[in-house]
Amino acid sequence: MAECNPMYPDARAALIAVEGVSELLDREIPIQELLDDARKIEERVREAFNRAQKTALPAPSDDDDDDEVQMVF
């Protein structure tokens, strides 16, 4: 099992884990629904990322920093 951010569940990692368990147990475990969920989650994350990029402010240029104190990130 792999650790993941609860806000961005990694259904593909879960799918790989289920496939591994299936092989260990030598039993067929249906995974099509999990695969469908993985695709839906990935599409939603991709859409959210694209929306965020469209509304994000541009990064400040180095020329905008008039004082001599460097900004710490």
C-alpha atoms as a PDB file:
ATOM      1  CA  MET A   1       0.000   0.000   0.000  1.00  0.00           C
ATOM      2  CA  ALA A   2       1.144   3.498  -0.794  1.00  0.00           C
ATOM      3  CA  GLU A   3       0.485   6.664   1.175  1.00  0.00           C
ATOM      4  CA  CYS A   4      -1.521   9.307  -0.674  1.00  0.00           C
ATOM      5  CA  ASN A   5      -3.152  12.656  -0.099  1.00  0.00           C
ATOM      6  CA  PRO A   6      -6.804  12.147   0.967  1.00  0.00           C
ATOM      7  CA  MET A   7      -7.791  15.102  -1.204  1.00  0.00           C
ATOM      8  CA  TYR A   8      -6.387  13.318  -4.266  1.00  0.00           C
ATOM      9  CA  PRO A   9      -7.010   9.599  -3.857  1.00  0.00           C
ATOM     10  CA  ASP A  10      -4.804   7.433  -6.023  1.00  0.00           C
ATOM     11  CA  ALA A  11      -7.245   4.902  -7.424  1.00  0.00           C
ATOM     12  CA  ARG A  12      -4.626   3.561  -9.844  1.00  0.00           C
ATOM     13  CA  ALA A  13      -2.370   2.675  -6.905  1.00  0.00           C
ATOM     14  CA  ALA A  14      -5.338   0.935  -5.294  1.00  0.00           C
ATOM     15  CA  LEU A  15      -5.930  -0.921  -8.551  1.00  0.00           C
ATOM     16  CA  ILE A  16      -2.324  -2.148  -8.606  1.00  0.00           C
ATOM     17  CA  ALA A  17      -2.616  -3.244  -4.968  1.00  0.00           C
ATOM     18  CA  VAL A  18      -5.838  -5.164  -5.675  1.00  0.00           C
ATOM     19  CA  GLU A  19      -4.205  -6.865  -8.656  1.00  0.00           C
ATOM     20  CA  GLY A  20      -1.304  -7.892  -6.399  1.00  0.00           C
ATOM     21  CA  VAL A  21      -3.654  -9.306  -3.775  1.00  0.00           C
ATOM     22  CA  SER A  22      -5.554 -11.112  -6.521  1.00  0.00           C
ATOM     23  CA  GLU A  23      -2.337 -12.805  -7.657  1.00  0.00           C
ATOM     24  CA  LEU A  24      -1.294 -13.672  -4.092  1.00  0.00           C
ATOM     25  CA  LEU A  25      -4.660 -15.251  -3.341  1.00  0.00           C
ATOM     26  CA  ASP A  26      -4.879 -16.821  -6.787  1.00  0.00           C
ATOM     27  CA  ARG A  27      -8.449 -15.511  -7.010  1.00  0.00           C
ATOM     28  CA  GLU A  28     -10.124 -13.276  -9.548  1.00  0.00           C
ATOM     29  CA  ILE A  29     -11.087  -9.922  -8.034  1.00  0.00           C
ATOM     30  CA  PRO A  30     -13.265  -7.730 -10.262  1.00  0.00           C
ATOM     31  CA  ILE A  31     -11.483  -4.434 -10.895  1.00  0.00           C
ATOM     32  CA  GLN A  32     -13.414  -2.803 -13.736  1.00  0.00           C
ATOM     33  CA  GLU A  33     -15.414  -0.544 -11.390  1.00  0.00           C
ATOM     34  CA  LEU A  34     -12.213   0.549  -9.638  1.00  0.00           C
ATOM     35  CA  LEU A  35     -10.598   1.276 -13.008  1.00  0.00           C
ATOM     36  CA  ASP A  36     -13.625   3.356 -14.030  1.00  0.00           C
ATOM     37  CA  ASP A  37     -13.408   5.275 -10.747  1.00  0.00           C
ATOM     38  CA  ALA A  38      -9.690   5.867 -11.296  1.00  0.00           C
ATOM     39  CA  ARG A  39     -10.363   7.379 -14.705  1.00  0.00           C
ATOM     40  CA  LYS A  40     -13.130   9.619 -13.332  1.00  0.00           C
ATOM     41  CA  ILE A  41     -10.942  10.844 -10.460  1.00  0.00           C
ATOM     42  CA  GLU A  42      -8.034  11.550 -12.792  1.00  0.00           C
ATOM     43  CA  GLU A  43     -10.294  13.501 -15.153  1.00  0.00           C
ATOM     44  CA  ARG A  44     -11.695  15.597 -12.280  1.00  0.00           C
ATOM     45  CA  VAL A  45      -8.203  16.349 -10.984  1.00  0.00           C
ATOM     46  CA  ARG A  46      -7.062  17.291 -14.501  1.00  0.00           C
ATOM     47  CA  GLU A  47     -10.081  19.623 -14.921  1.00  0.00           C
ATOM     48  CA  ALA A  48      -9.465  21.242 -11.517  1.00  0.00           C
ATOM     49  CA  PHE A  49      -5.788  21.751 -12.360  1.00  0.00           C
ATOM     50  CA  ASN A  50      -6.684  23.354 -15.702  1.00  0.00           C
ATOM     51  CA  ARG A  51      -9.224  25.675 -14.030  1.00  0.00           C
ATOM     52  CA  ALA A  52      -6.654  26.675 -11.419  1.00  0.00           C
ATOM     53  CA  GLN A  53      -4.066  27.446 -14.091  1.00  0.00           C
ATOM     54  CA  LYS A  54      -6.509  29.682 -15.955  1.00  0.00           C
ATOM     55  CA  THR A  55      -7.292  31.740 -12.858  1.00  0.00           C
ATOM     56  CA  ALA A  56      -3.808  31.825 -11.324  1.00  0.00           C
ATOM     57  CA  LEU A  57      -1.925  35.094 -11.176  1.00  0.00           C
ATOM     58  CA  PRO A  58       1.290  35.246 -13.175  1.00  0.00           C
ATOM     59  CA  ALA A  59       4.523  34.811 -11.269  1.00  0.00           C
ATOM     60  CA  PRO A  60       6.220  38.120 -10.441  1.00  0.00           C
ATOM     61  CA  SER A  61       9.250  38.921 -12.519  1.00  0.00           C
ATOM     62  CA  ASP A  62      12.612  39.539 -10.894  1.00  0.00           C
ATOM     63  CA  ASP A  63      12.503  43.136 -12.171  1.00  0.00           C
ATOM     64  CA  ASP A  64       9.511  43.941  -9.930  1.00  0.00           C
ATOM     65  CA  ASP A  65      11.588  43.565  -6.762  1.00  0.00           C
ATOM     66  CA  ASP A  66      12.953  47.088  -6.191  1.00  0.00           C
ATOM     67  CA  ASP A  67      14.425  46.558  -2.739  1.00  0.00           C
ATOM     68  CA  GLU A  68      17.642  44.704  -2.019  1.00  0.00           C
ATOM     69  CA  VAL A  69      16.019  42.130   0.303  1.00  0.00           C
ATOM     70  CA  GLN A  70      15.509  38.817  -1.475  1.00  0.00           C
ATOM     71  CA  MET A  71      12.103  37.210  -1.103  1.00  0.00           C
ATOM     72  CA  VAL A  72      12.095  33.881   0.729  1.00  0.00           C
ATOM     73  CA  PHE A  73       9.734  31.174  -0.488  1.00  0.00           C
END
